Protein backbone atom coordinates (compact mmCIF):
# COMPACT_ATOMS: atom_id res chain seq x y z
CA UNK A 1 0.00 0.00 0.00
CA UNK A 2 1.43 3.36 -1.08
CA UNK A 3 1.20 6.01 1.66
CA UNK A 4 1.17 8.86 -0.88
CA UNK A 5 -1.80 7.32 -2.66
CA UNK A 6 -3.58 6.89 0.66
CA UNK A 7 -2.93 10.54 1.56
CA UNK A 8 -4.27 11.69 -1.83
CA UNK A 9 -7.43 9.65 -1.30
CA UNK A 10 -7.87 11.16 2.17
CA UNK A 11 -7.45 14.66 0.70
CA UNK A 12 -10.02 13.93 -2.01
CA UNK A 13 -12.46 12.60 0.61
CA UNK A 14 -11.98 15.76 2.68
CA UNK A 15 -12.63 17.97 -0.36
CA UNK A 16 -15.80 16.01 -1.15
CA UNK A 17 -16.90 16.36 2.48
CA UNK A 18 -16.40 20.13 2.35
CA UNK A 19 -18.43 20.33 -0.84
CA UNK A 20 -21.17 18.19 0.71
CA UNK A 21 -21.32 20.45 3.78
CA UNK A 22 -21.58 23.54 1.58
CA UNK A 23 -24.37 21.95 -0.44
CA UNK A 24 -26.20 21.00 2.77
CA UNK A 25 -25.96 24.57 4.03
CA UNK A 26 -27.79 25.81 0.93
CA UNK A 27 -30.23 22.94 0.37
CA UNK A 28 -33.69 23.72 1.70
CA UNK A 29 -36.16 21.12 2.95
CA UNK A 30 -39.82 21.79 3.76
CA UNK A 31 -41.50 20.15 6.73
CA UNK A 32 -45.23 20.47 7.18
CA UNK A 33 -48.12 19.62 9.44
CA UNK A 34 -51.87 20.07 9.49
CA UNK A 35 -52.12 19.10 5.80
CA UNK A 36 -49.85 21.99 4.85
CA UNK A 37 -51.36 24.58 7.17
CA UNK A 38 -47.94 24.99 8.82
CA UNK A 39 -44.69 24.80 6.86
CA UNK A 40 -41.13 25.03 8.15
CA UNK A 41 -38.29 25.68 5.70
CA UNK A 42 -35.00 24.27 7.02
CA UNK A 43 -31.50 23.98 5.60
CA UNK A 44 -29.42 20.84 5.54
CA UNK A 45 -27.63 22.26 8.59
CA UNK A 46 -30.92 22.35 10.53
CA UNK A 47 -31.25 26.13 10.38
CA UNK A 48 -34.88 27.25 10.11
CA UNK A 49 -35.08 29.89 7.39
CA UNK A 50 -38.80 30.50 7.32
CA UNK A 51 -42.09 29.49 8.91
CA UNK A 52 -45.32 29.76 6.94
CA UNK A 53 -48.74 29.70 8.62
CA UNK A 54 -52.02 29.38 6.77
CA UNK A 55 -54.39 32.16 7.81
CA UNK A 56 -56.88 29.58 9.10
CA UNK A 57 -54.58 28.51 11.95
CA UNK A 58 -54.42 32.02 13.34
CA UNK A 59 -57.85 31.49 14.94
CA UNK A 60 -56.83 28.22 16.58
CA UNK A 61 -56.00 27.60 20.20
CA UNK A 62 -52.42 28.49 21.21
CA UNK A 63 -51.67 24.89 22.28
CA UNK A 64 -52.94 23.52 18.97
CA UNK A 65 -50.76 25.95 17.01
CA UNK A 66 -47.74 25.02 19.14
CA UNK A 67 -48.36 21.34 18.38
CA UNK A 68 -48.60 22.07 14.65
CA UNK A 69 -45.31 24.02 14.75
CA UNK A 70 -43.54 21.24 16.66
CA UNK A 71 -44.84 18.63 14.20
CA UNK A 72 -43.70 20.68 11.19
CA UNK A 73 -40.21 21.16 12.68
CA UNK A 74 -39.95 17.44 13.44
CA UNK A 75 -41.05 16.61 9.88
CA UNK A 76 -38.37 18.93 8.49
CA UNK A 77 -35.68 17.43 10.75
CA UNK A 78 -36.54 13.89 9.61
CA UNK A 79 -36.43 14.95 5.97
CA UNK A 80 -33.06 16.69 6.44
CA UNK A 81 -31.67 13.54 8.08
CA UNK A 82 -32.81 11.39 5.15
CA UNK A 83 -31.41 13.87 2.62
CA UNK A 84 -28.05 14.12 4.40
CA UNK A 85 -27.83 10.33 4.77
CA UNK A 86 -28.49 9.85 1.06
CA UNK A 87 -25.90 12.50 0.16
CA UNK A 88 -23.32 10.80 2.40
CA UNK A 89 -24.14 7.42 0.89
CA UNK A 90 -23.54 8.76 -2.61
CA UNK A 91 -20.23 10.28 -1.50
CA UNK A 92 -18.96 7.10 0.16
CA UNK A 93 -20.05 4.93 -2.74
CA UNK A 94 -22.62 3.10 -0.64
CA UNK A 95 -20.11 1.92 1.98
CA UNK A 96 -21.90 0.96 5.15
CA UNK A 97 -20.07 3.01 7.74
CA UNK A 98 -20.57 2.13 11.40
CA UNK A 99 -23.22 4.04 13.36
CA UNK A 100 -21.77 7.19 14.86
CA UNK A 101 -18.85 7.25 12.42
CA UNK A 102 -17.80 10.87 11.97
CA UNK A 103 -16.24 12.34 8.87
CA UNK A 104 -13.79 13.97 8.54
CA UNK A 105 -11.74 12.11 11.08
């Protein structure tokens, strides 16, 4: 095994990881609840960029609205996780990395 080749591969993997992180920062996922009455727009880095509320929910009980917001955020988080997992899988060529494996090292 050639150490120089191994170092080049590690450098390439790090560059791909940086590109993936940049893409995730700009990719926007929409989570929703209440059949679309509440929408949360979240980046691949889990930053909420926008919340959209249908006018009809403005007359609802505070607790109900809070539940709808929580459900929409949770939906967005799950979608971001799936998206990021798929992006990582495409980068690693489908290698099954152990749970909790962090990249870059």
